[in-house]
C-alpha atoms as a PDB file:
ATOM      1  CA  UNK A   1      18.602  66.162  24.387  1.00  0.00           C
ATOM      2  CA  UNK A   2      20.501  62.953  25.124  1.00  0.00           C
ATOM      3  CA  UNK A   3      21.327  62.715  21.412  1.00  0.00           C
ATOM      4  CA  UNK A   4      23.166  66.026  21.656  1.00  0.00           C
ATOM      5  CA  UNK A   5      26.262  65.589  23.835  1.00  0.00           C
ATOM      6  CA  UNK A   6      27.156  68.244  26.387  1.00  0.00           C
ATOM      7  CA  UNK A   7      30.574  69.664  25.649  1.00  0.00           C
ATOM      8  CA  UNK A   8      32.683  71.532  28.182  1.00  0.00           C
ATOM      9  CA  UNK A   9      33.693  74.813  26.559  1.00  0.00           C
ATOM     10  CA  UNK A  10      35.663  77.887  27.607  1.00  0.00           C
ATOM     11  CA  UNK A  11      33.166  80.727  27.590  1.00  0.00           C
ATOM     12  CA  UNK A  12      35.206  83.895  27.142  1.00  0.00           C
ATOM     13  CA  UNK A  13      33.764  87.435  27.107  1.00  0.00           C
ATOM     14  CA  UNK A  14      34.387  87.533  23.345  1.00  0.00           C
ATOM     15  CA  UNK A  15      32.543  84.255  22.726  1.00  0.00           C
ATOM     16  CA  UNK A  16      29.745  85.349  25.061  1.00  0.00           C
ATOM     17  CA  UNK A  17      29.250  88.496  22.975  1.00  0.00           C
ATOM     18  CA  UNK A  18      29.079  86.399  19.795  1.00  0.00           C
ATOM     19  CA  UNK A  19      26.378  84.236  21.364  1.00  0.00           C
ATOM     20  CA  UNK A  20      24.393  87.231  22.616  1.00  0.00           C
ATOM     21  CA  UNK A  21      24.602  88.893  19.193  1.00  0.00           C
ATOM     22  CA  UNK A  22      22.486  85.952  18.006  1.00  0.00           C
ATOM     23  CA  UNK A  23      20.257  85.790  21.085  1.00  0.00           C
ATOM     24  CA  UNK A  24      16.896  84.221  20.303  1.00  0.00           C
ATOM     25  CA  UNK A  25      14.322  87.027  19.875  1.00  0.00           C
ATOM     26  CA  UNK A  26      11.838  85.179  22.032  1.00  0.00           C
ATOM     27  CA  UNK A  27      14.086  84.938  25.104  1.00  0.00           C
ATOM     28  CA  UNK A  28      12.901  86.674  28.254  1.00  0.00           C
ATOM     29  CA  UNK A  29      14.272  90.032  29.284  1.00  0.00           C
ATOM     30  CA  UNK A  30      17.666  89.645  30.967  1.00  0.00           C
ATOM     31  CA  UNK A  31      17.425  90.056  34.740  1.00  0.00           C
ATOM     32  CA  UNK A  32      20.146  92.402  35.974  1.00  0.00           C
ATOM     33  CA  UNK A  33      20.109  90.933  39.481  1.00  0.00           C
ATOM     34  CA  UNK A  34      20.774  87.438  38.144  1.00  0.00           C
ATOM     35  CA  UNK A  35      23.631  88.705  35.981  1.00  0.00           C
ATOM     36  CA  UNK A  36      25.193  90.523  38.956  1.00  0.00           C
ATOM     37  CA  UNK A  37      24.879  87.413  41.116  1.00  0.00           C
ATOM     38  CA  UNK A  38      26.588  85.205  38.553  1.00  0.00           C
ATOM     39  CA  UNK A  39      29.262  87.839  37.897  1.00  0.00           C
ATOM     40  CA  UNK A  40      29.997  88.089  41.625  1.00  0.00           C
ATOM     41  CA  UNK A  41      30.438  84.295  41.749  1.00  0.00           C
ATOM     42  CA  UNK A  42      32.846  84.421  38.831  1.00  0.00           C
ATOM     43  CA  UNK A  43      34.919  87.290  40.248  1.00  0.00           C
ATOM     44  CA  UNK A  44      35.214  85.675  43.680  1.00  0.00           C
ATOM     45  CA  UNK A  45      36.143  82.259  42.301  1.00  0.00           C
ATOM     46  CA  UNK A  46      32.929  80.670  43.609  1.00  0.00           C
ATOM     47  CA  UNK A  47      31.785  79.605  40.138  1.00  0.00           C
ATOM     48  CA  UNK A  48      32.016  75.843  40.119  1.00  0.00           C
ATOM     49  CA  UNK A  49      31.822  73.977  36.816  1.00  0.00           C
ATOM     50  CA  UNK A  50      31.234  70.707  38.682  1.00  0.00           C
ATOM     51  CA  UNK A  51      28.007  72.031  40.191  1.00  0.00           C
ATOM     52  CA  UNK A  52      27.006  73.405  36.791  1.00  0.00           C
ATOM     53  CA  UNK A  53      26.788  69.818  35.549  1.00  0.00           C
ATOM     54  CA  UNK A  54      23.354  69.639  37.179  1.00  0.00           C
ATOM     55  CA  UNK A  55      22.271  72.856  35.463  1.00  0.00           C
ATOM     56  CA  UNK A  56      20.878  73.097  31.953  1.00  0.00           C
ATOM     57  CA  UNK A  57      23.619  73.545  29.358  1.00  0.00           C
ATOM     58  CA  UNK A  58      23.981  76.545  27.081  1.00  0.00           C
ATOM     59  CA  UNK A  59      21.993  75.779  23.932  1.00  0.00           C
ATOM     60  CA  UNK A  60      22.479  77.011  20.369  1.00  0.00           C
ATOM     61  CA  UNK A  61      19.983  75.944  17.751  1.00  0.00           C
ATOM     62  CA  UNK A  62      20.661  74.956  14.135  1.00  0.00           C
ATOM     63  CA  UNK A  63      20.559  78.612  13.091  1.00  0.00           C
ATOM     64  CA  UNK A  64      23.222  79.483  15.642  1.00  0.00           C
ATOM     65  CA  UNK A  65      20.769  81.344  17.883  1.00  0.00           C
ATOM     66  CA  UNK A  66      21.302  81.325  21.650  1.00  0.00           C
ATOM     67  CA  UNK A  67      18.182  79.759  23.101  1.00  0.00           C
ATOM     68  CA  UNK A  68      19.495  79.133  26.619  1.00  0.00           C
ATOM     69  CA  UNK A  69      22.319  80.695  28.626  1.00  0.00           C
ATOM     70  CA  UNK A  70      21.888  84.424  28.110  1.00  0.00           C
ATOM     71  CA  UNK A  71      22.413  85.219  31.809  1.00  0.00           C
ATOM     72  CA  UNK A  72      25.671  83.261  31.988  1.00  0.00           C
ATOM     73  CA  UNK A  73      26.944  84.968  28.859  1.00  0.00           C
ATOM     74  CA  UNK A  74      25.998  88.376  30.238  1.00  0.00           C
ATOM     75  CA  UNK A  75      27.718  87.573  33.547  1.00  0.00           C
ATOM     76  CA  UNK A  76      30.966  86.595  31.824  1.00  0.00           C
ATOM     77  CA  UNK A  77      30.933  89.920  29.980  1.00  0.00           C
ATOM     78  CA  UNK A  78      30.165  91.791  33.216  1.00  0.00           C
ATOM     79  CA  UNK A  79      32.958  90.015  35.103  1.00  0.00           C
ATOM     80  CA  UNK A  80      35.425  90.098  32.210  1.00  0.00           C
ATOM     81  CA  UNK A  81      36.583  86.610  33.191  1.00  0.00           C
ATOM     82  CA  UNK A  82      36.121  83.370  31.199  1.00  0.00           C
ATOM     83  CA  UNK A  83      34.468  80.317  32.773  1.00  0.00           C
ATOM     84  CA  UNK A  84      33.946  76.670  31.911  1.00  0.00           C
ATOM     85  CA  UNK A  85      30.362  75.780  30.969  1.00  0.00           C
ATOM     86  CA  UNK A  86      28.587  72.917  29.295  1.00  0.00           C
ATOM     87  CA  UNK A  87      26.983  73.516  25.900  1.00  0.00           C
ATOM     88  CA  UNK A  88      24.932  71.729  23.256  1.00  0.00           C
ATOM     89  CA  UNK A  89      25.405  73.235  19.821  1.00  0.00           C
ATOM     90  CA  UNK A  90      23.146  72.685  16.793  1.00  0.00           C
ATOM     91  CA  UNK A  91      20.037  71.420  18.557  1.00  0.00           C
ATOM     92  CA  UNK A  92      16.765  71.483  16.555  1.00  0.00           C
ATOM     93  CA  UNK A  93      15.099  74.883  16.402  1.00  0.00           C
ATOM     94  CA  UNK A  94      11.905  73.502  17.952  1.00  0.00           C
ATOM     95  CA  UNK A  95      13.793  72.825  21.232  1.00  0.00           C
ATOM     96  CA  UNK A  96      13.065  76.429  22.137  1.00  0.00           C
ATOM     97  CA  UNK A  97       9.351  75.656  22.451  1.00  0.00           C
ATOM     98  CA  UNK A  98      10.024  73.234  25.322  1.00  0.00           C
ATOM     99  CA  UNK A  99      12.381  75.351  27.434  1.00  0.00           C
ATOM    100  CA  UNK A 100      11.617  77.011  30.787  1.00  0.00           C
ATOM    101  CA  UNK A 101       8.450  75.045  31.340  1.00  0.00           C
ATOM    102  CA  UNK A 102       9.314  74.368  34.975  1.00  0.00           C
ATOM    103  CA  UNK A 103      10.822  76.065  38.004  1.00  0.00           C
ATOM    104  CA  UNK A 104      14.544  76.403  38.584  1.00  0.00           C
ATOM    105  CA  UNK A 105      15.897  74.120  41.291  1.00  0.00           C
ATOM    106  CA  UNK A 106      16.878  75.819  44.504  1.00  0.00           C
ATOM    107  CA  UNK A 107      19.927  75.124  46.657  1.00  0.00           C
ATOM    108  CA  UNK A 108      17.684  73.116  48.980  1.00  0.00           C
ATOM    109  CA  UNK A 109      16.887  70.733  46.134  1.00  0.00           C
ATOM    110  CA  UNK A 110      20.567  69.746  46.057  1.00  0.00           C
ATOM    111  CA  UNK A 111      21.131  69.333  49.815  1.00  0.00           C
ATOM    112  CA  UNK A 112      20.990  65.757  51.047  1.00  0.00           C
ATOM    113  CA  UNK A 113      19.510  66.447  54.469  1.00  0.00           C
ATOM    114  CA  UNK A 114      16.270  66.731  56.416  1.00  0.00           C
ATOM    115  CA  UNK A 115      14.411  70.065  56.197  1.00  0.00           C
ATOM    116  CA  UNK A 116      16.601  70.889  53.202  1.00  0.00           C
ATOM    117  CA  UNK A 117      14.827  74.164  52.377  1.00  0.00           C
ATOM    118  CA  UNK A 118      15.242  75.512  55.911  1.00  0.00           C
ATOM    119  CA  UNK A 119      18.829  74.306  56.111  1.00  0.00           C
ATOM    120  CA  UNK A 120      19.585  76.077  52.828  1.00  0.00           C
ATOM    121  CA  UNK A 121      18.134  79.284  54.291  1.00  0.00           C
ATOM    122  CA  UNK A 122      20.322  78.855  57.383  1.00  0.00           C
ATOM    123  CA  UNK A 123      23.458  78.275  55.300  1.00  0.00           C
ATOM    124  CA  UNK A 124      22.597  81.282  53.126  1.00  0.00           C
ATOM    125  CA  UNK A 125      22.540  83.543  56.172  1.00  0.00           C
ATOM    126  CA  UNK A 126      25.678  81.910  57.579  1.00  0.00           C
ATOM    127  CA  UNK A 127      27.495  82.719  54.337  1.00  0.00           C
ATOM    128  CA  UNK A 128      26.479  86.363  54.620  1.00  0.00           C
ATOM    129  CA  UNK A 129      27.340  86.549  58.332  1.00  0.00           C
ATOM    130  CA  UNK A 130      30.747  84.949  57.887  1.00  0.00           C
ATOM    131  CA  UNK A 131      31.500  87.093  54.847  1.00  0.00           C
ATOM    132  CA  UNK A 132      31.325  90.208  57.023  1.00  0.00           C
ATOM    133  CA  UNK A 133      30.801  92.616  54.140  1.00  0.00           C
ATOM    134  CA  UNK A 134      27.373  93.978  55.070  1.00  0.00           C
ATOM    135  CA  UNK A 135      25.118  94.819  57.999  1.00  0.00           C
ATOM    136  CA  UNK A 136      23.977  92.076  60.337  1.00  0.00           C
ATOM    137  CA  UNK A 137      20.350  92.772  59.409  1.00  0.00           C
ATOM    138  CA  UNK A 138      21.085  92.040  55.747  1.00  0.00           C
ATOM    139  CA  UNK A 139      23.226  89.060  56.715  1.00  0.00           C
ATOM    140  CA  UNK A 140      20.361  87.587  58.743  1.00  0.00           C
ATOM    141  CA  UNK A 141      18.199  87.892  55.646  1.00  0.00           C
ATOM    142  CA  UNK A 142      20.832  85.921  53.739  1.00  0.00           C
ATOM    143  CA  UNK A 143      21.533  88.717  51.271  1.00  0.00           C
ATOM    144  CA  UNK A 144      24.710  90.179  49.870  1.00  0.00           C
ATOM    145  CA  UNK A 145      25.277  93.651  48.502  1.00  0.00           C
ATOM    146  CA  UNK A 146      26.307  94.096  44.889  1.00  0.00           C
ATOM    147  CA  UNK A 147      27.441  97.201  43.072  1.00  0.00           C
ATOM    148  CA  UNK A 148      24.843  99.799  42.102  1.00  0.00           C
ATOM    149  CA  UNK A 149      22.908  98.886  45.232  1.00  0.00           C
ATOM    150  CA  UNK A 150      21.501  95.617  43.916  1.00  0.00           C
ATOM    151  CA  UNK A 151      20.804  93.062  46.645  1.00  0.00           C
ATOM    152  CA  UNK A 152      20.479  89.394  45.833  1.00  0.00           C
ATOM    153  CA  UNK A 153      20.222  86.061  47.570  1.00  0.00           C
ATOM    154  CA  UNK A 154      23.329  84.103  48.448  1.00  0.00           C
ATOM    155  CA  UNK A 155      24.590  82.219  45.351  1.00  0.00           C
ATOM    156  CA  UNK A 156      23.322  78.650  45.143  1.00  0.00           C
ATOM    157  CA  UNK A 157      26.782  77.227  44.451  1.00  0.00           C
ATOM    158  CA  UNK A 158      28.147  78.906  47.571  1.00  0.00           C
ATOM    159  CA  UNK A 159      25.334  77.458  49.715  1.00  0.00           C
ATOM    160  CA  UNK A 160      25.936  73.945  48.398  1.00  0.00           C
ATOM    161  CA  UNK A 161      29.693  74.107  48.920  1.00  0.00           C
ATOM    162  CA  UNK A 162      29.455  75.563  52.434  1.00  0.00           C
ATOM    163  CA  UNK A 163      26.877  72.982  53.504  1.00  0.00           C
ATOM    164  CA  UNK A 164      28.927  70.078  52.162  1.00  0.00           C
ATOM    165  CA  UNK A 165      32.003  71.419  53.972  1.00  0.00           C
ATOM    166  CA  UNK A 166      30.234  71.799  57.368  1.00  0.00           C
ATOM    167  CA  UNK A 167      27.282  69.435  57.040  1.00  0.00           C
ATOM    168  CA  UNK A 168      27.358  68.094  60.603  1.00  0.00           C
ATOM    169  CA  UNK A 169      27.585  71.601  62.046  1.00  0.00           C
ATOM    170  CA  UNK A 170      24.541  72.935  60.181  1.00  0.00           C
ATOM    171  CA  UNK A 171      22.469  69.816  60.802  1.00  0.00           C
ATOM    172  CA  UNK A 172      23.403  70.087  64.477  1.00  0.00           C
ATOM    173  CA  UNK A 173      22.314  73.727  64.591  1.00  0.00           C
ATOM    174  CA  UNK A 174      18.897  72.819  63.206  1.00  0.00           C
ATOM    175  CA  UNK A 175      18.437  69.990  65.685  1.00  0.00           C
ATOM    176  CA  UNK A 176      19.466  72.267  68.563  1.00  0.00           C
ATOM    177  CA  UNK A 177      17.083  74.949  67.335  1.00  0.00           C
ATOM    178  CA  UNK A 178      14.205  72.464  67.437  1.00  0.00           C
ATOM    179  CA  UNK A 179      14.486  72.282  71.224  1.00  0.00           C
ATOM    180  CA  UNK A 180      13.866  76.016  71.467  1.00  0.00           C
ATOM    181  CA  UNK A 181      11.322  76.090  68.655  1.00  0.00           C
ATOM    182  CA  UNK A 182       9.050  73.669  70.505  1.00  0.00           C
ATOM    183  CA  UNK A 183       8.830  76.138  73.394  1.00  0.00           C
ATOM    184  CA  UNK A 184       8.184  79.225  71.286  1.00  0.00           C
ATOM    185  CA  UNK A 185       6.389  80.275  68.141  1.00  0.00           C
ATOM    186  CA  UNK A 186       9.594  81.149  66.347  1.00  0.00           C
ATOM    187  CA  UNK A 187      10.769  79.187  63.332  1.00  0.00           C
ATOM    188  CA  UNK A 188      13.737  76.911  63.952  1.00  0.00           C
ATOM    189  CA  UNK A 189      15.496  78.581  61.000  1.00  0.00           C
ATOM    190  CA  UNK A 190      15.535  81.943  62.822  1.00  0.00           C
ATOM    191  CA  UNK A 191      16.695  80.250  66.013  1.00  0.00           C
ATOM    192  CA  UNK A 192      19.479  78.381  64.217  1.00  0.00           C
ATOM    193  CA  UNK A 193      20.674  81.634  62.614  1.00  0.00           C
ATOM    194  CA  UNK A 194      20.781  83.273  66.060  1.00  0.00           C
ATOM    195  CA  UNK A 195      22.798  80.358  67.436  1.00  0.00           C
ATOM    196  CA  UNK A 196      25.238  80.695  64.547  1.00  0.00           C
ATOM    197  CA  UNK A 197      25.654  84.398  65.344  1.00  0.00           C
ATOM    198  CA  UNK A 198      26.412  83.535  68.964  1.00  0.00           C
ATOM    199  CA  UNK A 199      29.087  81.107  67.823  1.00  0.00           C
ATOM    200  CA  UNK A 200      30.446  83.694  65.377  1.00  0.00           C
ATOM    201  CA  UNK A 201      30.541  86.608  67.821  1.00  0.00           C
ATOM    202  CA  UNK A 202      30.894  85.029  71.237  1.00  0.00           C
ATOM    203  CA  UNK A 203      32.497  81.614  70.750  1.00  0.00           C
ATOM    204  CA  UNK A 204      30.687  81.056  74.042  1.00  0.00           C
ATOM    205  CA  UNK A 205      30.708  77.695  75.836  1.00  0.00           C
ATOM    206  CA  UNK A 206      27.415  78.616  77.552  1.00  0.00           C
ATOM    207  CA  UNK A 207      25.455  77.862  74.402  1.00  0.00           C
ATOM    208  CA  UNK A 208      24.727  74.259  75.467  1.00  0.00           C
ATOM    209  CA  UNK A 209      23.473  75.424  78.865  1.00  0.00           C
ATOM    210  CA  UNK A 210      21.331  78.035  77.129  1.00  0.00           C
ATOM    211  CA  UNK A 211      19.629  75.353  75.043  1.00  0.00           C
ATOM    212  CA  UNK A 212      19.191  73.125  78.091  1.00  0.00           C
ATOM    213  CA  UNK A 213      17.364  76.045  79.725  1.00  0.00           C
ATOM    214  CA  UNK A 214      14.520  75.484  77.264  1.00  0.00           C
ATOM    215  CA  UNK A 215      14.281  71.804  78.132  1.00  0.00           C
ATOM    216  CA  UNK A 216      13.291  72.595  81.727  1.00  0.00           C
ATOM    217  CA  UNK A 217       9.643  73.200  80.820  1.00  0.00           C
ATOM    218  CA  UNK A 218       9.626  76.730  82.174  1.00  0.00           C
ATOM    219  CA  UNK A 219      11.146  75.862  85.520  1.00  0.00           C
ATOM    220  CA  UNK A 220      12.221  78.544  88.001  1.00  0.00           C
ATOM    221  CA  UNK A 221      15.669  78.848  86.414  1.00  0.00           C
ATOM    222  CA  UNK A 222      14.479  78.857  82.814  1.00  0.00           C
ATOM    223  CA  UNK A 223      14.772  82.639  82.425  1.00  0.00           C
ATOM    224  CA  UNK A 224      15.324  82.739  78.682  1.00  0.00           C
ATOM    225  CA  UNK A 225      12.551  80.216  78.112  1.00  0.00           C
ATOM    226  CA  UNK A 226       9.933  82.278  79.946  1.00  0.00           C
ATOM    227  CA  UNK A 227      10.898  85.557  78.347  1.00  0.00           C
ATOM    228  CA  UNK A 228      10.852  84.266  74.799  1.00  0.00           C
ATOM    229  CA  UNK A 229       7.520  82.533  75.303  1.00  0.00           C
ATOM    230  CA  UNK A 230       6.019  85.716  76.762  1.00  0.00           C
ATOM    231  CA  UNK A 231       7.448  87.732  73.894  1.00  0.00           C
ATOM    232  CA  UNK A 232       5.944  85.426  71.284  1.00  0.00           C
ATOM    233  CA  UNK A 233       2.559  85.378  73.018  1.00  0.00           C
ATOM    234  CA  UNK A 234       2.530  89.169  73.147  1.00  0.00           C
ATOM    235  CA  UNK A 235       3.261  89.314  69.432  1.00  0.00           C
ATOM    236  CA  UNK A 236       0.354  86.966  68.762  1.00  0.00           C
ATOM    237  CA  UNK A 237      -2.053  88.993  70.924  1.00  0.00           C
ATOM    238  CA  UNK A 238      -1.030  92.295  69.340  1.00  0.00           C
ATOM    239  CA  UNK A 239      -0.938  90.674  65.888  1.00  0.00           C
ATOM    240  CA  UNK A 240       2.318  92.476  65.312  1.00  0.00           C
ATOM    241  CA  UNK A 241       4.154  91.729  62.121  1.00  0.00           C
ATOM    242  CA  UNK A 242       7.846  91.049  62.626  1.00  0.00           C
ATOM    243  CA  UNK A 243      10.810  90.130  60.475  1.00  0.00           C
ATOM    244  CA  UNK A 244      13.398  87.405  60.758  1.00  0.00           C
ATOM    245  CA  UNK A 245      15.845  90.051  61.997  1.00  0.00           C
ATOM    246  CA  UNK A 246      13.409  90.811  64.848  1.00  0.00           C
ATOM    247  CA  UNK A 247      13.145  87.127  65.742  1.00  0.00           C
ATOM    248  CA  UNK A 248      16.894  86.687  65.741  1.00  0.00           C
ATOM    249  CA  UNK A 249      17.533  89.789  67.838  1.00  0.00           C
ATOM    250  CA  UNK A 250      15.062  88.653  70.519  1.00  0.00           C
ATOM    251  CA  UNK A 251      16.629  85.216  70.671  1.00  0.00           C
ATOM    252  CA  UNK A 252      19.988  86.911  71.124  1.00  0.00           C
ATOM    253  CA  UNK A 253      18.428  89.042  73.852  1.00  0.00           C
ATOM    254  CA  UNK A 254      17.234  85.887  75.595  1.00  0.00           C
ATOM    255  CA  UNK A 255      20.770  84.549  75.457  1.00  0.00           C
ATOM    256  CA  UNK A 256      22.056  87.815  76.914  1.00  0.00           C
ATOM    257  CA  UNK A 257      19.597  87.520  79.788  1.00  0.00           C
ATOM    258  CA  UNK A 258      20.533  83.913  80.343  1.00  0.00           C
ATOM    259  CA  UNK A 259      24.159  84.988  80.761  1.00  0.00           C
ATOM    260  CA  UNK A 260      23.082  87.790  83.118  1.00  0.00           C
ATOM    261  CA  UNK A 261      19.602  86.991  84.390  1.00  0.00           C
ATOM    262  CA  UNK A 262      19.696  89.801  86.990  1.00  0.00           C
ATOM    263  CA  UNK A 263      19.137  92.264  84.156  1.00  0.00           C
ATOM    264  CA  UNK A 264      15.781  90.805  83.138  1.00  0.00           C
ATOM    265  CA  UNK A 265      14.122  94.177  82.486  1.00  0.00           C
ATOM    266  CA  UNK A 266      16.396  94.916  79.543  1.00  0.00           C
ATOM    267  CA  UNK A 267      14.687  92.462  77.219  1.00  0.00           C
ATOM    268  CA  UNK A 268      15.288  94.475  74.049  1.00  0.00           C
ATOM    269  CA  UNK A 269      17.218  94.338  70.824  1.00  0.00           C
ATOM    270  CA  UNK A 270      20.528  92.610  71.411  1.00  0.00           C
ATOM    271  CA  UNK A 271      22.604  95.759  70.935  1.00  0.00           C
ATOM    272  CA  UNK A 272      25.884  94.274  72.152  1.00  0.00           C
ATOM    273  CA  UNK A 273      25.911  91.495  69.576  1.00  0.00           C
ATOM    274  CA  UNK A 274      25.158  93.878  66.723  1.00  0.00           C
ATOM    275  CA  UNK A 275      27.918  96.204  67.926  1.00  0.00           C
ATOM    276  CA  UNK A 276      30.423  93.376  68.363  1.00  0.00           C
ATOM    277  CA  UNK A 277      29.588  92.032  64.908  1.00  0.00           C
ATOM    278  CA  UNK A 278      30.298  95.443  63.398  1.00  0.00           C
ATOM    279  CA  UNK A 279      33.637  95.527  65.239  1.00  0.00           C
ATOM    280  CA  UNK A 280      34.612  92.107  63.867  1.00  0.00           C
ATOM    281  CA  UNK A 281      33.606  93.169  60.356  1.00  0.00           C
ATOM    282  CA  UNK A 282      35.678  96.339  60.635  1.00  0.00           C
ATOM    283  CA  UNK A 283      38.676  94.337  61.870  1.00  0.00           C
ATOM    284  CA  UNK A 284      38.316  92.052  58.857  1.00  0.00           C
ATOM    285  CA  UNK A 285      38.127  95.004  56.452  1.00  0.00           C
ATOM    286  CA  UNK A 286      41.160  96.650  58.050  1.00  0.00           C
ATOM    287  CA  UNK A 287      43.079  93.385  57.693  1.00  0.00           C
ATOM    288  CA  UNK A 288      42.194  93.178  54.006  1.00  0.00           C
ATOM    289  CA  UNK A 289      43.402  96.762  53.468  1.00  0.00           C
ATOM    290  CA  UNK A 290      46.717  96.002  55.170  1.00  0.00           C
ATOM    291  CA  UNK A 291      47.230  92.887  53.031  1.00  0.00           C
ATOM    292  CA  UNK A 292      46.671  94.934  49.898  1.00  0.00           C
END
């Protein structure tokens, strides 16, 4: 494909329709979720043509058939907004036989950091949490809500941009989470997400002391350490299946108990944090309404 230069073009809804009218008959069925995800990026201004340089360009063969790029074209039509994309026009017809032979690269593939896949998962959830447009349970899962009830993973471009903007912060969260992870059976990704929620909701200076609590090897003052370890052991014995949202809520509960260890019997879902998150989200929505 090096002999066919990539050209930056303005993909308008009208041009996108022209391309789709000549969509290659062998292309896979268009995935609605992917189209909605791309369209949401375009509408919010998150579509980044610089990041798209690492993506495969839109391809039209010598017969003018669209052999690659149908989801981007569909998204432009859905959003009703033009975008800049790279394209190769007039490539040999046989190029189609060699497309989509591999897996698409994830956001983690583009992050220059240790544990890139887990960091990408952390950043995905952080994007959803900070966005404040959906429930905390969905935010923890790193998902956004789209119209018609479609849920989809946080856009890759958004993950890359947010990580690059706050790289030291996210790498620090993962390193901090490792201290707790070594004492429990919880994944450091879940722990790091919980720590981010504490920062988001509480802005609490006790977070460093909370982490130090786990470095005391279960000493007499390591309340949160003991409770989380017991919780994880009980899960293993009962073979109970639990979600990331469960893990995060119990870590938040441990933090709650650390802040008020006299209330050790209330080791449950961290209701206060969920409630406070909802309050912050509502405040943000009310502010948006007033601005409009």
